[in-house]
Amino acid sequence: MEMPDLNKHPLIIDYILQNNFGRLLGMNFTILSPGIVSYSLSINKSHLATPVAVHGGVVASLLDATVGAGALSAVCELEKVVSTVELSISYLSPAFLNDQLTATSELVKLGHKLIFMEAKVVNQNGALIAKATAILNAYPKEKAGY
């Protein structure tokens, strides 16, 4: 049995259309399989905290978006959406102007209501920028206005 393309799931498409913050930062994702998402971001001047280095909040936003989209991809077939309950980040290396960042999520455990996720961000050279663990809450899409 072939897996459906979750990138074309109506709830995922609606999420993309409604995700103004992700659009503001310039982030884009692709669902590779349920729970596994690749999110990308090209660093420009608006992402910087110093003349050359990225603000940690940008990396945090990328990680939060990655675990969120990963968790959403794991429950969208159940007509559920997610919200972050806890996010823990370890910053390991700086990111710089013109870096191409890629974050990848991993589903650790899918519970009835709670979803445990991990994610990492690397630059175009494969250097590890940051890692995160997260707990997300799954709930009916109607509560989020979908």
N, C-alpha and C. Protein backbone atom coordinates (compact mmCIF):
# COMPACT_ATOMS: atom_id res chain seq x y z
N MET A 1 0.84 -1.18 0.00
CA MET A 1 0.00 0.00 0.00
C MET A 1 0.88 1.24 0.00
N GLU A 2 0.63 2.15 -0.91
CA GLU A 2 1.43 3.36 -1.04
C GLU A 2 0.96 4.42 -0.06
N MET A 3 1.94 5.11 0.55
CA MET A 3 1.63 6.19 1.49
C MET A 3 1.08 7.40 0.73
N PRO A 4 0.05 8.06 1.27
CA PRO A 4 -0.42 9.29 0.61
C PRO A 4 0.63 10.39 0.74
N ASP A 5 0.66 11.30 -0.21
CA ASP A 5 1.59 12.44 -0.15
C ASP A 5 1.01 13.45 0.83
N LEU A 6 1.56 13.48 2.04
CA LEU A 6 1.04 14.37 3.07
C LEU A 6 1.23 15.84 2.72
N ASN A 7 2.16 16.16 1.80
CA ASN A 7 2.34 17.54 1.37
C ASN A 7 1.08 18.07 0.67
N LYS A 8 0.22 17.17 0.19
CA LYS A 8 -1.01 17.54 -0.50
C LYS A 8 -2.25 17.38 0.38
N HIS A 9 -2.05 17.01 1.65
CA HIS A 9 -3.18 16.85 2.56
C HIS A 9 -3.86 18.21 2.75
N PRO A 10 -5.19 18.28 2.71
CA PRO A 10 -5.88 19.58 2.85
C PRO A 10 -5.50 20.36 4.11
N LEU A 11 -5.28 19.68 5.22
CA LEU A 11 -4.92 20.37 6.46
C LEU A 11 -3.51 20.95 6.36
N ILE A 12 -2.60 20.25 5.70
CA ILE A 12 -1.24 20.75 5.51
C ILE A 12 -1.26 21.96 4.58
N ILE A 13 -2.02 21.88 3.51
CA ILE A 13 -2.13 23.01 2.57
C ILE A 13 -2.71 24.22 3.28
N ASP A 14 -3.75 24.02 4.09
CA ASP A 14 -4.36 25.12 4.84
C ASP A 14 -3.37 25.71 5.84
N TYR A 15 -2.59 24.84 6.49
CA TYR A 15 -1.56 25.32 7.43
C TYR A 15 -0.56 26.22 6.71
N ILE A 16 -0.10 25.80 5.55
CA ILE A 16 0.86 26.60 4.78
C ILE A 16 0.25 27.96 4.42
N LEU A 17 -0.99 27.97 3.99
CA LEU A 17 -1.66 29.22 3.62
C LEU A 17 -1.82 30.16 4.81
N GLN A 18 -2.03 29.61 6.00
CA GLN A 18 -2.27 30.42 7.20
C GLN A 18 -0.99 30.78 7.95
N ASN A 19 0.14 30.19 7.59
CA ASN A 19 1.39 30.38 8.35
C ASN A 19 2.11 31.66 7.93
N ASN A 20 1.58 32.78 8.38
CA ASN A 20 2.15 34.09 8.04
C ASN A 20 3.54 34.28 8.63
N PHE A 21 3.78 33.76 9.82
CA PHE A 21 5.09 33.93 10.47
C PHE A 21 6.18 33.20 9.68
N GLY A 22 5.89 31.98 9.26
CA GLY A 22 6.86 31.23 8.46
C GLY A 22 7.18 31.94 7.16
N ARG A 23 6.15 32.53 6.55
CA ARG A 23 6.34 33.29 5.31
C ARG A 23 7.19 34.53 5.57
N LEU A 24 6.95 35.20 6.70
CA LEU A 24 7.72 36.40 7.07
C LEU A 24 9.21 36.09 7.18
N LEU A 25 9.54 34.95 7.79
CA LEU A 25 10.94 34.58 7.95
C LEU A 25 11.53 33.96 6.68
N GLY A 26 10.68 33.50 5.77
CA GLY A 26 11.16 32.88 4.53
C GLY A 26 11.40 31.39 4.65
N MET A 27 10.68 30.72 5.55
CA MET A 27 10.88 29.29 5.79
C MET A 27 9.94 28.47 4.90
N ASN A 28 10.44 27.33 4.43
CA ASN A 28 9.65 26.41 3.61
C ASN A 28 9.93 24.98 4.04
N PHE A 29 8.90 24.12 4.00
CA PHE A 29 9.11 22.74 4.41
C PHE A 29 8.57 21.75 3.40
N THR A 30 9.09 20.53 3.53
CA THR A 30 8.62 19.38 2.78
C THR A 30 8.47 18.23 3.76
N ILE A 31 7.33 17.54 3.68
CA ILE A 31 7.13 16.36 4.51
C ILE A 31 7.75 15.18 3.78
N LEU A 32 8.66 14.51 4.45
CA LEU A 32 9.33 13.34 3.87
C LEU A 32 8.57 12.07 4.20
N SER A 33 8.01 12.00 5.40
CA SER A 33 7.15 10.91 5.85
C SER A 33 6.50 11.39 7.15
N PRO A 34 5.49 10.69 7.66
CA PRO A 34 4.85 11.15 8.89
C PRO A 34 5.88 11.34 10.02
N GLY A 35 5.96 12.56 10.52
CA GLY A 35 6.88 12.89 11.60
C GLY A 35 8.24 13.39 11.14
N ILE A 36 8.55 13.22 9.88
CA ILE A 36 9.86 13.63 9.36
C ILE A 36 9.66 14.73 8.32
N VAL A 37 10.17 15.91 8.68
CA VAL A 37 10.01 17.09 7.85
C VAL A 37 11.37 17.74 7.64
N SER A 38 11.58 18.28 6.45
CA SER A 38 12.77 19.07 6.16
C SER A 38 12.32 20.51 5.95
N TYR A 39 12.86 21.42 6.75
CA TYR A 39 12.50 22.83 6.70
C TYR A 39 13.74 23.62 6.29
N SER A 40 13.61 24.56 5.38
CA SER A 40 14.77 25.32 4.91
C SER A 40 14.58 26.82 5.12
N LEU A 41 15.74 27.49 5.23
CA LEU A 41 15.76 28.94 5.44
C LEU A 41 17.06 29.49 4.89
N SER A 42 16.96 30.46 4.01
CA SER A 42 18.13 31.18 3.49
C SER A 42 18.32 32.43 4.34
N ILE A 43 19.48 32.55 4.98
CA ILE A 43 19.73 33.66 5.89
C ILE A 43 20.03 34.94 5.12
N ASN A 44 19.27 35.98 5.47
CA ASN A 44 19.50 37.31 4.88
C ASN A 44 19.69 38.33 6.00
N LYS A 45 19.89 39.58 5.65
CA LYS A 45 20.19 40.62 6.65
C LYS A 45 19.10 40.77 7.71
N SER A 46 17.86 40.51 7.35
CA SER A 46 16.77 40.66 8.33
C SER A 46 16.83 39.62 9.44
N HIS A 47 17.63 38.57 9.29
CA HIS A 47 17.76 37.52 10.29
C HIS A 47 18.93 37.75 11.26
N LEU A 48 19.69 38.80 11.04
CA LEU A 48 20.94 39.00 11.79
C LEU A 48 20.73 39.74 13.12
N ALA A 49 21.55 39.36 14.11
CA ALA A 49 21.59 40.06 15.40
C ALA A 49 22.83 40.91 15.51
N THR A 50 23.86 40.57 14.73
CA THR A 50 25.11 41.34 14.65
C THR A 50 25.35 41.57 13.16
N PRO A 51 26.42 42.27 12.80
CA PRO A 51 26.66 42.47 11.37
C PRO A 51 26.81 41.18 10.56
N VAL A 52 27.13 40.06 11.22
CA VAL A 52 27.34 38.82 10.46
C VAL A 52 26.59 37.59 11.00
N ALA A 53 26.16 37.62 12.26
CA ALA A 53 25.61 36.40 12.89
C ALA A 53 24.08 36.46 13.04
N VAL A 54 23.46 35.31 12.88
CA VAL A 54 22.01 35.16 12.97
C VAL A 54 21.54 35.28 14.42
N HIS A 55 20.39 35.89 14.61
CA HIS A 55 19.76 35.96 15.92
C HIS A 55 19.31 34.56 16.34
N GLY A 56 19.53 34.20 17.59
CA GLY A 56 19.14 32.88 18.08
C GLY A 56 17.65 32.63 17.96
N GLY A 57 16.85 33.68 18.00
CA GLY A 57 15.40 33.53 17.86
C GLY A 57 15.00 33.02 16.49
N VAL A 58 15.79 33.33 15.48
CA VAL A 58 15.52 32.82 14.13
C VAL A 58 15.73 31.31 14.11
N VAL A 59 16.83 30.86 14.71
CA VAL A 59 17.12 29.42 14.77
C VAL A 59 16.05 28.73 15.62
N ALA A 60 15.65 29.36 16.72
CA ALA A 60 14.60 28.79 17.57
C ALA A 60 13.29 28.68 16.80
N SER A 61 12.97 29.70 16.03
CA SER A 61 11.75 29.66 15.23
C SER A 61 11.80 28.56 14.19
N LEU A 62 12.95 28.38 13.57
CA LEU A 62 13.11 27.32 12.58
C LEU A 62 12.93 25.95 13.24
N LEU A 63 13.51 25.76 14.41
CA LEU A 63 13.37 24.48 15.12
C LEU A 63 11.92 24.25 15.57
N ASP A 64 11.28 25.29 16.10
CA ASP A 64 9.89 25.15 16.54
C ASP A 64 8.99 24.82 15.35
N ALA A 65 9.21 25.49 14.23
CA ALA A 65 8.42 25.22 13.03
C ALA A 65 8.65 23.79 12.54
N THR A 66 9.88 23.33 12.65
CA THR A 66 10.22 21.99 12.17
C THR A 66 9.57 20.91 13.01
N VAL A 67 9.67 21.02 14.33
CA VAL A 67 9.01 20.01 15.18
C VAL A 67 7.49 20.12 15.04
N GLY A 68 7.01 21.34 14.86
CA GLY A 68 5.56 21.53 14.70
C GLY A 68 5.04 20.90 13.42
N ALA A 69 5.71 21.16 12.32
CA ALA A 69 5.27 20.57 11.04
C ALA A 69 5.45 19.06 11.06
N GLY A 70 6.52 18.60 11.71
CA GLY A 70 6.72 17.16 11.83
C GLY A 70 5.60 16.50 12.62
N ALA A 71 5.25 17.11 13.75
CA ALA A 71 4.16 16.57 14.58
C ALA A 71 2.83 16.67 13.83
N LEU A 72 2.60 17.78 13.15
CA LEU A 72 1.37 17.94 12.38
C LEU A 72 1.26 16.85 11.31
N SER A 73 2.36 16.54 10.67
CA SER A 73 2.33 15.51 9.63
C SER A 73 2.02 14.13 10.20
N ALA A 74 2.28 13.94 11.49
CA ALA A 74 2.00 12.67 12.14
C ALA A 74 0.54 12.52 12.55
N VAL A 75 -0.20 13.65 12.66
CA VAL A 75 -1.59 13.58 13.13
C VAL A 75 -2.60 14.18 12.17
N CYS A 76 -2.17 14.72 11.04
CA CYS A 76 -3.11 15.38 10.14
C CYS A 76 -4.15 14.41 9.59
N GLU A 77 -3.79 13.15 9.40
CA GLU A 77 -4.75 12.14 8.93
C GLU A 77 -5.86 11.91 9.96
N LEU A 78 -5.61 12.28 11.22
CA LEU A 78 -6.61 12.16 12.28
C LEU A 78 -7.41 13.45 12.43
N GLU A 79 -7.16 14.41 11.51
CA GLU A 79 -7.81 15.73 11.53
C GLU A 79 -7.48 16.50 12.81
N LYS A 80 -6.22 16.35 13.25
CA LYS A 80 -5.73 17.07 14.43
C LYS A 80 -4.64 18.04 14.02
N VAL A 81 -4.46 19.07 14.84
CA VAL A 81 -3.36 20.02 14.71
C VAL A 81 -2.56 19.96 16.00
N VAL A 82 -1.48 20.73 16.07
CA VAL A 82 -0.60 20.66 17.23
C VAL A 82 -0.21 22.05 17.72
N SER A 83 0.22 22.09 18.97
CA SER A 83 0.82 23.29 19.53
C SER A 83 1.99 22.85 20.42
N THR A 84 2.99 23.69 20.47
CA THR A 84 4.19 23.37 21.25
C THR A 84 3.90 23.58 22.73
N VAL A 85 4.23 22.57 23.53
CA VAL A 85 4.10 22.64 24.98
C VAL A 85 5.45 22.98 25.59
N GLU A 86 6.50 22.35 25.07
CA GLU A 86 7.85 22.57 25.58
C GLU A 86 8.85 22.45 24.44
N LEU A 87 9.83 23.35 24.43
CA LEU A 87 10.88 23.33 23.42
C LEU A 87 12.21 23.63 24.11
N SER A 88 13.15 22.72 23.98
CA SER A 88 14.48 22.89 24.57
C SER A 88 15.50 22.89 23.44
N ILE A 89 16.34 23.93 23.41
CA ILE A 89 17.29 24.12 22.32
C ILE A 89 18.71 24.18 22.85
N SER A 90 19.61 23.51 22.16
CA SER A 90 21.05 23.64 22.40
C SER A 90 21.66 24.27 21.15
N TYR A 91 22.24 25.44 21.32
CA TYR A 91 22.93 26.12 20.23
C TYR A 91 24.38 25.65 20.21
N LEU A 92 24.82 25.13 19.09
CA LEU A 92 26.14 24.50 19.01
C LEU A 92 27.15 25.27 18.18
N SER A 93 26.68 25.99 17.16
CA SER A 93 27.55 26.79 16.29
C SER A 93 26.74 27.97 15.78
N PRO A 94 27.40 29.08 15.47
CA PRO A 94 26.65 30.21 14.92
C PRO A 94 26.27 29.97 13.46
N ALA A 95 25.23 30.67 13.04
CA ALA A 95 24.86 30.71 11.63
C ALA A 95 25.13 32.14 11.15
N PHE A 96 25.44 32.27 9.87
CA PHE A 96 25.91 33.55 9.33
C PHE A 96 25.10 34.00 8.12
N LEU A 97 25.29 35.26 7.77
CA LEU A 97 24.68 35.84 6.59
C LEU A 97 24.96 34.95 5.38
N ASN A 98 23.94 34.70 4.58
CA ASN A 98 23.97 33.89 3.35
C ASN A 98 24.04 32.38 3.60
N ASP A 99 24.02 31.94 4.86
CA ASP A 99 23.95 30.50 5.12
C ASP A 99 22.62 29.95 4.61
N GLN A 100 22.65 28.70 4.20
CA GLN A 100 21.44 27.96 3.82
C GLN A 100 21.21 26.94 4.94
N LEU A 101 20.22 27.19 5.76
CA LEU A 101 19.95 26.31 6.89
C LEU A 101 18.88 25.28 6.53
N THR A 102 19.09 24.07 7.00
CA THR A 102 18.12 23.00 6.82
C THR A 102 17.89 22.35 8.18
N ALA A 103 16.64 22.32 8.59
CA ALA A 103 16.25 21.66 9.84
C ALA A 103 15.47 20.41 9.48
N THR A 104 15.72 19.36 10.24
CA THR A 104 15.03 18.09 10.02
C THR A 104 14.44 17.60 11.33
N SER A 105 13.18 17.18 11.27
CA SER A 105 12.50 16.67 12.47
C SER A 105 12.54 15.16 12.50
N GLU A 106 12.36 14.63 13.71
CA GLU A 106 12.27 13.19 13.91
C GLU A 106 11.19 12.94 14.96
N LEU A 107 10.26 12.06 14.65
CA LEU A 107 9.23 11.66 15.60
C LEU A 107 9.84 10.66 16.58
N VAL A 108 9.79 11.01 17.86
CA VAL A 108 10.32 10.13 18.90
C VAL A 108 9.22 9.22 19.43
N LYS A 109 8.05 9.82 19.77
CA LYS A 109 6.93 9.03 20.28
C LYS A 109 5.64 9.78 20.01
N LEU A 110 4.69 9.04 19.48
CA LEU A 110 3.36 9.58 19.22
C LEU A 110 2.40 9.01 20.25
N GLY A 111 1.98 9.86 21.17
CA GLY A 111 1.00 9.45 22.17
C GLY A 111 -0.40 9.85 21.72
N HIS A 112 -1.38 9.60 22.59
CA HIS A 112 -2.76 9.97 22.26
C HIS A 112 -2.92 11.48 22.17
N LYS A 113 -2.31 12.20 23.12
CA LYS A 113 -2.40 13.66 23.13
C LYS A 113 -1.05 14.35 22.98
N LEU A 114 0.00 13.72 23.48
CA LEU A 114 1.33 14.33 23.45
C LEU A 114 2.21 13.67 22.39
N ILE A 115 3.00 14.51 21.74
CA ILE A 115 3.92 14.04 20.70
C ILE A 115 5.32 14.49 21.10
N PHE A 116 6.26 13.57 21.11
CA PHE A 116 7.65 13.87 21.45
C PHE A 116 8.46 13.91 20.16
N MET A 117 9.16 15.03 19.96
CA MET A 117 9.90 15.26 18.72
C MET A 117 11.33 15.67 19.02
N GLU A 118 12.21 15.47 18.04
CA GLU A 118 13.57 16.00 18.05
C GLU A 118 13.81 16.66 16.70
N ALA A 119 14.75 17.59 16.67
CA ALA A 119 15.10 18.24 15.41
C ALA A 119 16.53 18.74 15.49
N LYS A 120 17.12 18.93 14.33
CA LYS A 120 18.46 19.53 14.25
C LYS A 120 18.51 20.48 13.07
N VAL A 121 19.42 21.44 13.16
CA VAL A 121 19.65 22.41 12.08
C VAL A 121 21.10 22.30 11.65
N VAL A 122 21.32 22.21 10.35
CA VAL A 122 22.68 22.22 9.79
C VAL A 122 22.76 23.31 8.75
N ASN A 123 23.98 23.75 8.47
CA ASN A 123 24.17 24.73 7.39
C ASN A 123 24.52 23.99 6.09
N GLN A 124 24.81 24.74 5.05
CA GLN A 124 25.08 24.18 3.73
C GLN A 124 26.33 23.29 3.71
N ASN A 125 27.18 23.42 4.70
CA ASN A 125 28.38 22.58 4.78
C ASN A 125 28.19 21.37 5.70
N GLY A 126 26.99 21.23 6.24
CA GLY A 126 26.71 20.12 7.14
C GLY A 126 27.08 20.38 8.58
N ALA A 127 27.53 21.60 8.91
CA ALA A 127 27.88 21.94 10.29
C ALA A 127 26.61 22.00 11.14
N LEU A 128 26.65 21.35 12.29
CA LEU A 128 25.51 21.33 13.20
C LEU A 128 25.39 22.68 13.90
N ILE A 129 24.28 23.35 13.69
CA ILE A 129 24.04 24.68 14.27
C ILE A 129 23.32 24.57 15.61
N ALA A 130 22.28 23.73 15.67
CA ALA A 130 21.50 23.59 16.90
C ALA A 130 20.70 22.30 16.87
N LYS A 131 20.32 21.85 18.08
CA LYS A 131 19.47 20.67 18.24
C LYS A 131 18.34 21.05 19.19
N ALA A 132 17.22 20.35 19.05
CA ALA A 132 16.08 20.63 19.93
C ALA A 132 15.33 19.35 20.26
N THR A 133 14.72 19.36 21.43
CA THR A 133 13.73 18.37 21.80
C THR A 133 12.44 19.13 22.09
N ALA A 134 11.32 18.49 21.83
CA ALA A 134 10.05 19.20 22.02
C ALA A 134 8.94 18.23 22.39
N ILE A 135 7.97 18.78 23.10
CA ILE A 135 6.72 18.09 23.38
C ILE A 135 5.62 18.96 22.80
N LEU A 136 4.74 18.33 22.03
CA LEU A 136 3.63 19.04 21.41
C LEU A 136 2.32 18.38 21.80
N ASN A 137 1.28 19.19 21.83
CA ASN A 137 -0.07 18.74 22.15
C ASN A 137 -0.85 18.58 20.85
N ALA A 138 -1.52 17.45 20.68
CA ALA A 138 -2.39 17.23 19.52
C ALA A 138 -3.84 17.43 19.94
N TYR A 139 -4.60 18.16 19.11
CA TYR A 139 -5.99 18.44 19.46
C TYR A 139 -6.80 18.63 18.18
N PRO A 140 -8.13 18.59 18.28
CA PRO A 140 -8.98 18.69 17.08
C PRO A 140 -8.74 20.01 16.34
N LYS A 141 -8.70 19.93 15.02
CA LYS A 141 -8.39 21.09 14.18
C LYS A 141 -9.37 22.25 14.39
N GLU A 142 -10.60 21.95 14.75
CA GLU A 142 -11.61 23.00 14.94
C GLU A 142 -11.24 23.96 16.06
N LYS A 143 -10.53 23.48 17.07
CA LYS A 143 -10.12 24.35 18.17
C LYS A 143 -9.12 25.42 17.71
N ALA A 144 -8.43 25.17 16.60
CA ALA A 144 -7.47 26.12 16.07
C ALA A 144 -8.05 26.94 14.94
N GLY A 145 -9.33 26.75 14.66
CA GLY A 145 -9.99 27.54 13.63
C GLY A 145 -9.93 26.96 12.23
N TYR A 146 -9.53 25.70 12.10
CA TYR A 146 -9.48 25.05 10.79
C TYR A 146 -10.80 24.38 10.50
